[in-house]
Each structure stands twice: as structure tokens, then as C-alpha cells.
Amino acid sequence: MKKQRILIISHGHPDISKGGAEIAAFNLFSEYKNRGIDTLFLARSEDPAHGGSIFSSRNAGDQLLFHTAMHDWYNFRCVDARHIAHDFAQLLESYKPTTVHFHHYAHMGLEMVCQVRHSCPDARILLTLHEYMAICMNNGQMVKKGTNKLC
């Protein structure tokens, strides 16, 4: 049986952005670590990249910040797909996750899901939707603008 390696991907780190999705993703990461499961936490950051790398390390190297953004909110595309096809692909190929759990695609781009399938064809891909941005242009909240009544 193959050793389990889980990559948790969040559109923010709870130390930087205190949203519910960030906290849920980090709590899941922490619980996996507590259970002794090899787990890596990758969180998107608005801060500019430094030192020539699109990634920066936090807390003993099992937490990474991915310095990227989205430029196409209608199609959920990242600002620079080369970072996905090159840097993110290298991370996947070196870490070799058996499971990749996305907690959102906002701020990062849907290209990441395709890259996981390409780089890790046998990995399980999970997606937890914390908002429904693909079907609701009101920040995925499923309420009407102005009134906040349910759609």
C-alpha cells in the first residue's frame, strides 16, 4: 500500500487572512499532522514573490505560500499560467501527493486542478466549495445584491 501524502491547498493562510475557508483548510491540515499523516499546506498569498521563487516557506517547511493571483474572475484563470505549468508542477512532482484537497480555486485559478491531474494522474482530487462563485456573481454567497435575500 502506498504511503499517504496529502496536499491541502487554500486560497489564503489563516495567519494572513482570517476567512472561514482558510481556517477550515488549516484545521484539517493540523489534524492530519496530529495523526502522523505526511501533509503539506499550500496557501495563496497576495504578497509579491521574493528571492526568485513563486513559493516561500512557513513553519518548518510543511507550510508554503504561493505568491499568485487571478486576473480573469469570469473564467477563474490565474494571472500567470507559467507559474502553474512550471513551479506548481515541480512542487507536485517532488512532493508526489496521493491526495490533493483544494479549499477553493478563487485567487489561484482552475488551471491548478488540471495541473494536478497532469502531474499526478493517480492522485485523488477533492474540492471543498466554501462559496459558489461559479454560479453566483455575488461573491458566491447565493443571495441577491442589495437585499441579501436568498436566490
N, C-alpha and C. Protein backbone atom coordinates (compact mmCIF):
# COMPACT_ATOMS: atom_id res chain seq x y z
N MET A 1 0.84 -1.18 0.00
CA MET A 1 0.00 0.00 0.00
C MET A 1 0.89 1.25 0.00
N LYS A 2 0.54 2.19 -0.84
CA LYS A 2 1.30 3.42 -1.00
C LYS A 2 1.10 4.33 0.22
N LYS A 3 2.20 4.94 0.69
CA LYS A 3 2.13 5.85 1.83
C LYS A 3 1.29 7.08 1.45
N GLN A 4 0.39 7.44 2.36
CA GLN A 4 -0.48 8.58 2.11
C GLN A 4 0.28 9.90 2.25
N ARG A 5 0.13 10.77 1.25
CA ARG A 5 0.74 12.11 1.24
C ARG A 5 -0.35 13.07 0.79
N ILE A 6 -0.72 13.99 1.65
CA ILE A 6 -1.85 14.88 1.37
C ILE A 6 -1.37 16.30 1.18
N LEU A 7 -1.80 16.91 0.09
CA LEU A 7 -1.54 18.32 -0.18
C LEU A 7 -2.85 19.07 0.00
N ILE A 8 -2.89 19.97 0.97
CA ILE A 8 -4.05 20.83 1.21
C ILE A 8 -3.75 22.17 0.55
N ILE A 9 -4.67 22.65 -0.29
CA ILE A 9 -4.48 23.91 -1.00
C ILE A 9 -5.60 24.87 -0.60
N SER A 10 -5.21 26.03 -0.13
CA SER A 10 -6.17 27.05 0.33
C SER A 10 -5.88 28.36 -0.38
N HIS A 11 -6.91 29.15 -0.57
CA HIS A 11 -6.73 30.45 -1.23
C HIS A 11 -6.22 31.52 -0.27
N GLY A 12 -5.85 31.12 0.93
CA GLY A 12 -5.24 32.03 1.90
C GLY A 12 -4.75 31.26 3.11
N HIS A 13 -3.88 31.89 3.88
CA HIS A 13 -3.36 31.30 5.11
C HIS A 13 -4.04 32.01 6.28
N PRO A 14 -4.52 31.27 7.29
CA PRO A 14 -5.25 31.92 8.38
C PRO A 14 -4.41 32.91 9.20
N ASP A 15 -3.09 32.83 9.13
CA ASP A 15 -2.25 33.82 9.81
C ASP A 15 -2.31 35.17 9.09
N ILE A 16 -2.72 35.14 7.82
CA ILE A 16 -2.73 36.34 6.99
C ILE A 16 -4.16 36.80 6.70
N SER A 17 -5.05 35.86 6.46
CA SER A 17 -6.44 36.14 6.13
C SER A 17 -7.33 35.25 6.98
N LYS A 18 -8.21 35.83 7.77
CA LYS A 18 -8.98 35.06 8.76
C LYS A 18 -10.34 34.57 8.25
N GLY A 19 -10.44 34.22 6.97
CA GLY A 19 -11.70 33.72 6.44
C GLY A 19 -12.00 32.30 6.89
N GLY A 20 -13.26 31.93 6.77
CA GLY A 20 -13.70 30.60 7.19
C GLY A 20 -13.05 29.47 6.40
N ALA A 21 -12.88 29.65 5.09
CA ALA A 21 -12.27 28.61 4.27
C ALA A 21 -10.81 28.39 4.67
N GLU A 22 -10.10 29.48 4.92
CA GLU A 22 -8.70 29.38 5.33
C GLU A 22 -8.57 28.63 6.65
N ILE A 23 -9.44 28.96 7.59
CA ILE A 23 -9.40 28.31 8.91
C ILE A 23 -9.76 26.83 8.80
N ALA A 24 -10.80 26.52 8.01
CA ALA A 24 -11.20 25.11 7.84
C ALA A 24 -10.08 24.30 7.20
N ALA A 25 -9.46 24.84 6.17
CA ALA A 25 -8.37 24.13 5.49
C ALA A 25 -7.20 23.91 6.44
N PHE A 26 -6.84 24.93 7.20
CA PHE A 26 -5.70 24.81 8.11
C PHE A 26 -6.01 23.84 9.26
N ASN A 27 -7.23 23.85 9.76
CA ASN A 27 -7.60 22.91 10.82
C ASN A 27 -7.51 21.48 10.33
N LEU A 28 -7.93 21.23 9.09
CA LEU A 28 -7.82 19.89 8.52
C LEU A 28 -6.35 19.49 8.39
N PHE A 29 -5.52 20.41 7.88
CA PHE A 29 -4.08 20.18 7.79
C PHE A 29 -3.50 19.82 9.16
N SER A 30 -3.85 20.60 10.17
CA SER A 30 -3.34 20.37 11.53
C SER A 30 -3.76 19.01 12.07
N GLU A 31 -4.99 18.62 11.81
CA GLU A 31 -5.46 17.31 12.29
C GLU A 31 -4.73 16.17 11.59
N TYR A 32 -4.52 16.28 10.29
CA TYR A 32 -3.74 15.26 9.60
C TYR A 32 -2.33 15.15 10.20
N LYS A 33 -1.70 16.31 10.46
CA LYS A 33 -0.36 16.30 11.06
C LYS A 33 -0.39 15.63 12.43
N ASN A 34 -1.41 15.96 13.24
CA ASN A 34 -1.55 15.34 14.57
C ASN A 34 -1.69 13.83 14.49
N ARG A 35 -2.26 13.33 13.43
CA ARG A 35 -2.44 11.89 13.24
C ARG A 35 -1.23 11.23 12.58
N GLY A 36 -0.18 12.01 12.34
CA GLY A 36 1.05 11.47 11.78
C GLY A 36 1.02 11.27 10.27
N ILE A 37 0.07 11.90 9.59
CA ILE A 37 -0.03 11.77 8.14
C ILE A 37 0.85 12.83 7.49
N ASP A 38 1.64 12.43 6.51
CA ASP A 38 2.51 13.34 5.76
C ASP A 38 1.62 14.33 5.01
N THR A 39 1.64 15.59 5.43
CA THR A 39 0.73 16.60 4.87
C THR A 39 1.48 17.90 4.63
N LEU A 40 1.17 18.53 3.51
CA LEU A 40 1.74 19.82 3.13
C LEU A 40 0.59 20.81 2.94
N PHE A 41 0.75 22.02 3.47
CA PHE A 41 -0.26 23.08 3.34
C PHE A 41 0.27 24.13 2.39
N LEU A 42 -0.47 24.38 1.31
CA LEU A 42 -0.11 25.38 0.32
C LEU A 42 -1.19 26.45 0.32
N ALA A 43 -0.81 27.68 0.67
CA ALA A 43 -1.77 28.78 0.74
C ALA A 43 -1.33 29.91 -0.18
N ARG A 44 -2.27 30.45 -0.91
CA ARG A 44 -2.00 31.57 -1.80
C ARG A 44 -1.78 32.84 -0.98
N SER A 45 -0.88 33.68 -1.46
CA SER A 45 -0.58 34.94 -0.79
C SER A 45 -0.57 36.08 -1.80
N GLU A 46 -1.10 37.21 -1.39
CA GLU A 46 -1.07 38.41 -2.23
C GLU A 46 0.30 39.09 -2.22
N ASP A 47 1.09 38.81 -1.22
CA ASP A 47 2.41 39.43 -1.13
C ASP A 47 3.23 39.08 -2.36
N PRO A 48 4.03 40.02 -2.85
CA PRO A 48 4.86 39.71 -4.01
C PRO A 48 5.92 38.65 -3.69
N ALA A 49 6.23 37.86 -4.70
CA ALA A 49 7.27 36.83 -4.54
C ALA A 49 8.62 37.52 -4.34
N HIS A 50 9.53 36.81 -3.70
CA HIS A 50 10.86 37.36 -3.46
C HIS A 50 11.90 36.27 -3.63
N GLY A 51 13.09 36.66 -3.89
CA GLY A 51 14.18 35.70 -3.99
C GLY A 51 14.13 34.82 -5.22
N GLY A 52 13.35 35.19 -6.22
CA GLY A 52 13.30 34.42 -7.45
C GLY A 52 12.37 33.22 -7.43
N SER A 53 11.68 32.97 -6.32
CA SER A 53 10.77 31.83 -6.23
C SER A 53 9.34 32.32 -6.07
N ILE A 54 8.42 31.60 -6.65
CA ILE A 54 7.00 31.90 -6.51
C ILE A 54 6.46 31.37 -5.18
N PHE A 55 7.26 30.54 -4.49
CA PHE A 55 6.88 29.97 -3.20
C PHE A 55 7.75 30.54 -2.09
N SER A 56 7.20 30.59 -0.90
CA SER A 56 8.01 30.87 0.29
C SER A 56 7.55 29.91 1.39
N SER A 57 8.45 29.60 2.29
CA SER A 57 8.20 28.59 3.32
C SER A 57 7.79 29.24 4.64
N ARG A 58 6.93 28.55 5.36
CA ARG A 58 6.50 28.96 6.70
C ARG A 58 6.60 27.75 7.64
N ASN A 59 6.92 27.98 8.88
CA ASN A 59 6.80 26.98 9.94
C ASN A 59 7.36 25.60 9.57
N ALA A 60 8.64 25.45 9.60
CA ALA A 60 9.33 24.16 9.43
C ALA A 60 9.17 23.56 8.04
N GLY A 61 8.73 24.34 7.07
CA GLY A 61 8.69 23.87 5.70
C GLY A 61 7.47 23.05 5.31
N ASP A 62 6.56 22.75 6.25
CA ASP A 62 5.37 21.98 5.86
C ASP A 62 4.20 22.91 5.50
N GLN A 63 4.49 24.21 5.46
CA GLN A 63 3.52 25.21 5.02
C GLN A 63 4.22 26.11 4.00
N LEU A 64 3.59 26.25 2.85
CA LEU A 64 4.16 27.09 1.80
C LEU A 64 3.16 28.17 1.41
N LEU A 65 3.69 29.34 1.08
CA LEU A 65 2.88 30.39 0.48
C LEU A 65 3.14 30.39 -1.01
N PHE A 66 2.08 30.48 -1.79
CA PHE A 66 2.14 30.51 -3.24
C PHE A 66 1.77 31.93 -3.66
N HIS A 67 2.74 32.67 -4.12
CA HIS A 67 2.56 34.09 -4.44
C HIS A 67 1.98 34.22 -5.85
N THR A 68 0.67 34.26 -5.94
CA THR A 68 -0.02 34.32 -7.23
C THR A 68 -1.34 35.04 -7.06
N ALA A 69 -2.05 35.21 -8.15
CA ALA A 69 -3.35 35.88 -8.13
C ALA A 69 -4.13 35.45 -9.36
N MET A 70 -5.37 35.93 -9.46
CA MET A 70 -6.19 35.69 -10.64
C MET A 70 -6.40 37.00 -11.38
N HIS A 71 -6.45 36.93 -12.69
CA HIS A 71 -6.75 38.13 -13.46
C HIS A 71 -8.09 38.02 -14.18
N ASP A 72 -8.61 36.81 -14.30
CA ASP A 72 -9.86 36.59 -15.01
C ASP A 72 -10.86 35.93 -14.06
N TRP A 73 -11.65 36.76 -13.40
CA TRP A 73 -12.61 36.24 -12.42
C TRP A 73 -13.83 35.60 -13.08
N TYR A 74 -14.06 35.87 -14.34
CA TYR A 74 -15.20 35.24 -15.03
C TYR A 74 -14.88 33.78 -15.34
N ASN A 75 -13.67 33.51 -15.80
CA ASN A 75 -13.24 32.15 -16.13
C ASN A 75 -12.37 31.52 -15.06
N PHE A 76 -12.10 32.24 -13.99
CA PHE A 76 -11.28 31.76 -12.87
C PHE A 76 -9.90 31.32 -13.34
N ARG A 77 -9.23 32.22 -14.06
CA ARG A 77 -7.88 31.95 -14.57
C ARG A 77 -6.86 32.72 -13.76
N CYS A 78 -5.70 32.10 -13.59
CA CYS A 78 -4.63 32.72 -12.81
C CYS A 78 -3.96 33.84 -13.61
N VAL A 79 -3.22 34.67 -12.91
CA VAL A 79 -2.57 35.81 -13.53
C VAL A 79 -1.43 35.38 -14.46
N ASP A 80 -0.78 34.28 -14.17
CA ASP A 80 0.34 33.83 -15.00
C ASP A 80 0.39 32.30 -14.98
N ALA A 81 -0.14 31.69 -16.01
CA ALA A 81 -0.24 30.22 -16.07
C ALA A 81 1.13 29.53 -16.07
N ARG A 82 2.19 30.28 -16.39
CA ARG A 82 3.53 29.66 -16.35
C ARG A 82 3.88 29.20 -14.94
N HIS A 83 3.40 29.91 -13.93
CA HIS A 83 3.67 29.50 -12.54
C HIS A 83 3.01 28.16 -12.23
N ILE A 84 1.86 27.93 -12.82
CA ILE A 84 1.17 26.66 -12.61
C ILE A 84 1.90 25.55 -13.38
N ALA A 85 2.17 25.79 -14.65
CA ALA A 85 2.76 24.77 -15.51
C ALA A 85 4.21 24.46 -15.17
N HIS A 86 4.89 25.37 -14.52
CA HIS A 86 6.29 25.14 -14.20
C HIS A 86 6.51 24.95 -12.69
N ASP A 87 6.30 26.01 -11.91
CA ASP A 87 6.62 25.97 -10.48
C ASP A 87 5.71 25.02 -9.70
N PHE A 88 4.39 25.15 -9.89
CA PHE A 88 3.45 24.27 -9.19
C PHE A 88 3.65 22.82 -9.64
N ALA A 89 3.90 22.61 -10.94
CA ALA A 89 4.15 21.26 -11.44
C ALA A 89 5.39 20.66 -10.78
N GLN A 90 6.45 21.45 -10.60
CA GLN A 90 7.65 20.95 -9.92
C GLN A 90 7.35 20.58 -8.47
N LEU A 91 6.54 21.39 -7.80
CA LEU A 91 6.16 21.06 -6.43
C LEU A 91 5.42 19.72 -6.39
N LEU A 92 4.48 19.53 -7.29
CA LEU A 92 3.72 18.28 -7.34
C LEU A 92 4.64 17.09 -7.62
N GLU A 93 5.54 17.26 -8.54
CA GLU A 93 6.43 16.16 -8.91
C GLU A 93 7.43 15.82 -7.80
N SER A 94 7.81 16.80 -7.01
CA SER A 94 8.74 16.50 -5.92
C SER A 94 8.01 15.96 -4.68
N TYR A 95 6.83 16.47 -4.39
CA TYR A 95 6.08 16.02 -3.20
C TYR A 95 5.33 14.71 -3.46
N LYS A 96 4.84 14.51 -4.66
CA LYS A 96 4.13 13.31 -5.05
C LYS A 96 2.92 13.01 -4.15
N PRO A 97 1.96 13.93 -4.09
CA PRO A 97 0.80 13.69 -3.22
C PRO A 97 -0.06 12.54 -3.73
N THR A 98 -0.66 11.80 -2.79
CA THR A 98 -1.64 10.78 -3.15
C THR A 98 -3.04 11.39 -3.16
N THR A 99 -3.21 12.48 -2.43
CA THR A 99 -4.48 13.22 -2.38
C THR A 99 -4.18 14.71 -2.42
N VAL A 100 -4.91 15.44 -3.25
CA VAL A 100 -4.82 16.89 -3.28
C VAL A 100 -6.22 17.43 -2.97
N HIS A 101 -6.30 18.18 -1.89
CA HIS A 101 -7.59 18.70 -1.42
C HIS A 101 -7.59 20.22 -1.57
N PHE A 102 -8.35 20.70 -2.55
CA PHE A 102 -8.50 22.13 -2.78
C PHE A 102 -9.59 22.67 -1.88
N HIS A 103 -9.29 23.75 -1.19
CA HIS A 103 -10.30 24.51 -0.45
C HIS A 103 -10.45 25.82 -1.20
N HIS A 104 -11.07 25.71 -2.35
CA HIS A 104 -11.35 26.85 -3.22
C HIS A 104 -10.43 26.84 -4.42
N TYR A 105 -10.79 27.61 -5.41
CA TYR A 105 -9.96 27.85 -6.59
C TYR A 105 -9.82 29.36 -6.80
N ALA A 106 -10.58 30.13 -6.03
CA ALA A 106 -10.51 31.59 -6.14
C ALA A 106 -9.10 32.08 -5.81
N HIS A 107 -8.68 33.11 -6.47
CA HIS A 107 -7.39 33.77 -6.31
C HIS A 107 -6.22 32.96 -6.88
N MET A 108 -6.47 31.70 -7.24
CA MET A 108 -5.39 30.85 -7.74
C MET A 108 -5.61 30.43 -9.18
N GLY A 109 -6.82 30.04 -9.54
CA GLY A 109 -7.14 29.62 -10.89
C GLY A 109 -7.43 28.14 -11.01
N LEU A 110 -8.36 27.83 -11.90
CA LEU A 110 -8.75 26.44 -12.14
C LEU A 110 -7.64 25.63 -12.81
N GLU A 111 -6.67 26.32 -13.40
CA GLU A 111 -5.56 25.61 -14.04
C GLU A 111 -4.85 24.68 -13.06
N MET A 112 -4.91 25.01 -11.77
CA MET A 112 -4.23 24.18 -10.77
C MET A 112 -4.82 22.77 -10.74
N VAL A 113 -6.13 22.66 -10.88
CA VAL A 113 -6.77 21.34 -10.85
C VAL A 113 -6.28 20.51 -12.05
N CYS A 114 -6.25 21.14 -13.21
CA CYS A 114 -5.76 20.44 -14.42
C CYS A 114 -4.31 20.02 -14.26
N GLN A 115 -3.49 20.87 -13.65
CA GLN A 115 -2.08 20.55 -13.46
C GLN A 115 -1.90 19.37 -12.51
N VAL A 116 -2.74 19.30 -11.47
CA VAL A 116 -2.67 18.15 -10.56
C VAL A 116 -2.95 16.87 -11.33
N ARG A 117 -4.01 16.88 -12.14
CA ARG A 117 -4.35 15.68 -12.90
C ARG A 117 -3.22 15.30 -13.86
N HIS A 118 -2.59 16.29 -14.47
CA HIS A 118 -1.50 16.03 -15.42
C HIS A 118 -0.25 15.51 -14.69
N SER A 119 0.14 16.17 -13.60
CA SER A 119 1.37 15.80 -12.89
C SER A 119 1.22 14.58 -12.00
N CYS A 120 0.03 14.37 -11.47
CA CYS A 120 -0.22 13.27 -10.53
C CYS A 120 -1.47 12.51 -10.96
N PRO A 121 -1.40 11.77 -12.06
CA PRO A 121 -2.61 11.16 -12.62
C PRO A 121 -3.33 10.19 -11.70
N ASP A 122 -2.63 9.63 -10.72
CA ASP A 122 -3.27 8.67 -9.81
C ASP A 122 -3.75 9.31 -8.51
N ALA A 123 -3.47 10.58 -8.31
CA ALA A 123 -3.86 11.25 -7.06
C ALA A 123 -5.37 11.50 -7.02
N ARG A 124 -5.93 11.36 -5.83
CA ARG A 124 -7.33 11.76 -5.64
C ARG A 124 -7.37 13.27 -5.56
N ILE A 125 -8.36 13.86 -6.20
CA ILE A 125 -8.55 15.31 -6.17
C ILE A 125 -9.87 15.58 -5.48
N LEU A 126 -9.81 16.36 -4.41
CA LEU A 126 -11.00 16.77 -3.68
C LEU A 126 -11.14 18.28 -3.78
N LEU A 127 -12.37 18.77 -3.83
CA LEU A 127 -12.64 20.20 -3.87
C LEU A 127 -13.75 20.51 -2.89
N THR A 128 -13.45 21.32 -1.91
CA THR A 128 -14.47 21.81 -0.98
C THR A 128 -14.83 23.22 -1.40
N LEU A 129 -16.10 23.42 -1.75
CA LEU A 129 -16.58 24.75 -2.13
C LEU A 129 -17.05 25.48 -0.87
N HIS A 130 -16.42 26.59 -0.59
CA HIS A 130 -16.81 27.40 0.56
C HIS A 130 -17.74 28.53 0.14
N GLU A 131 -17.68 28.89 -1.12
CA GLU A 131 -18.63 29.80 -1.74
C GLU A 131 -18.93 29.21 -3.12
N TYR A 132 -19.98 29.69 -3.75
CA TYR A 132 -20.41 29.14 -5.03
C TYR A 132 -20.20 30.16 -6.15
N MET A 133 -18.94 30.57 -6.32
CA MET A 133 -18.60 31.63 -7.25
C MET A 133 -18.88 31.28 -8.71
N ALA A 134 -18.83 30.02 -9.07
CA ALA A 134 -19.05 29.64 -10.46
C ALA A 134 -20.50 29.84 -10.88
N ILE A 135 -21.44 29.88 -9.94
CA ILE A 135 -22.85 30.04 -10.29
C ILE A 135 -23.48 31.29 -9.69
N CYS A 136 -22.72 32.05 -8.90
CA CYS A 136 -23.28 33.25 -8.27
C CYS A 136 -22.27 34.39 -8.35
N MET A 137 -22.61 35.43 -9.12
CA MET A 137 -21.70 36.56 -9.31
C MET A 137 -21.71 37.53 -8.12
N ASN A 138 -22.41 37.19 -7.05
CA ASN A 138 -22.39 37.99 -5.83
C ASN A 138 -21.45 37.33 -4.83
N ASN A 139 -20.20 37.20 -5.25
CA ASN A 139 -19.16 36.57 -4.43
C ASN A 139 -19.51 35.16 -3.97
N GLY A 140 -20.36 34.49 -4.73
CA GLY A 140 -20.71 33.11 -4.42
C GLY A 140 -21.58 32.93 -3.20
N GLN A 141 -22.17 34.00 -2.70
CA GLN A 141 -22.91 33.94 -1.44
C GLN A 141 -24.35 33.44 -1.59
N MET A 142 -24.83 33.32 -2.83
CA MET A 142 -26.17 32.82 -3.12
C MET A 142 -27.28 33.68 -2.52
N VAL A 143 -27.02 34.99 -2.44
CA VAL A 143 -28.03 35.96 -2.02
C VAL A 143 -28.05 37.10 -3.04
N LYS A 144 -29.20 37.77 -3.13
CA LYS A 144 -29.36 38.86 -4.08
C LYS A 144 -28.66 40.12 -3.59
N LYS A 145 -28.02 40.83 -4.52
CA LYS A 145 -27.34 42.08 -4.18
C LYS A 145 -28.35 43.09 -3.67
N GLY A 146 -27.97 43.81 -2.66
CA GLY A 146 -28.83 44.86 -2.11
C GLY A 146 -29.75 44.38 -1.03
N THR A 147 -30.47 43.28 -1.26
CA THR A 147 -31.45 42.79 -0.28
C THR A 147 -30.92 41.66 0.57
N ASN A 148 -29.90 40.94 0.08
CA ASN A 148 -29.36 39.75 0.72
C ASN A 148 -30.40 38.65 0.92
N LYS A 149 -31.48 38.71 0.12
CA LYS A 149 -32.46 37.62 0.15
C LYS A 149 -31.90 36.44 -0.62
N LEU A 150 -32.26 35.24 -0.18
CA LEU A 150 -31.77 34.05 -0.86
C LEU A 150 -32.20 34.05 -2.31
N CYS A 151 -31.34 33.57 -3.18
CA CYS A 151 -31.66 33.46 -4.61
C CYS A 151 -32.75 32.42 -4.81
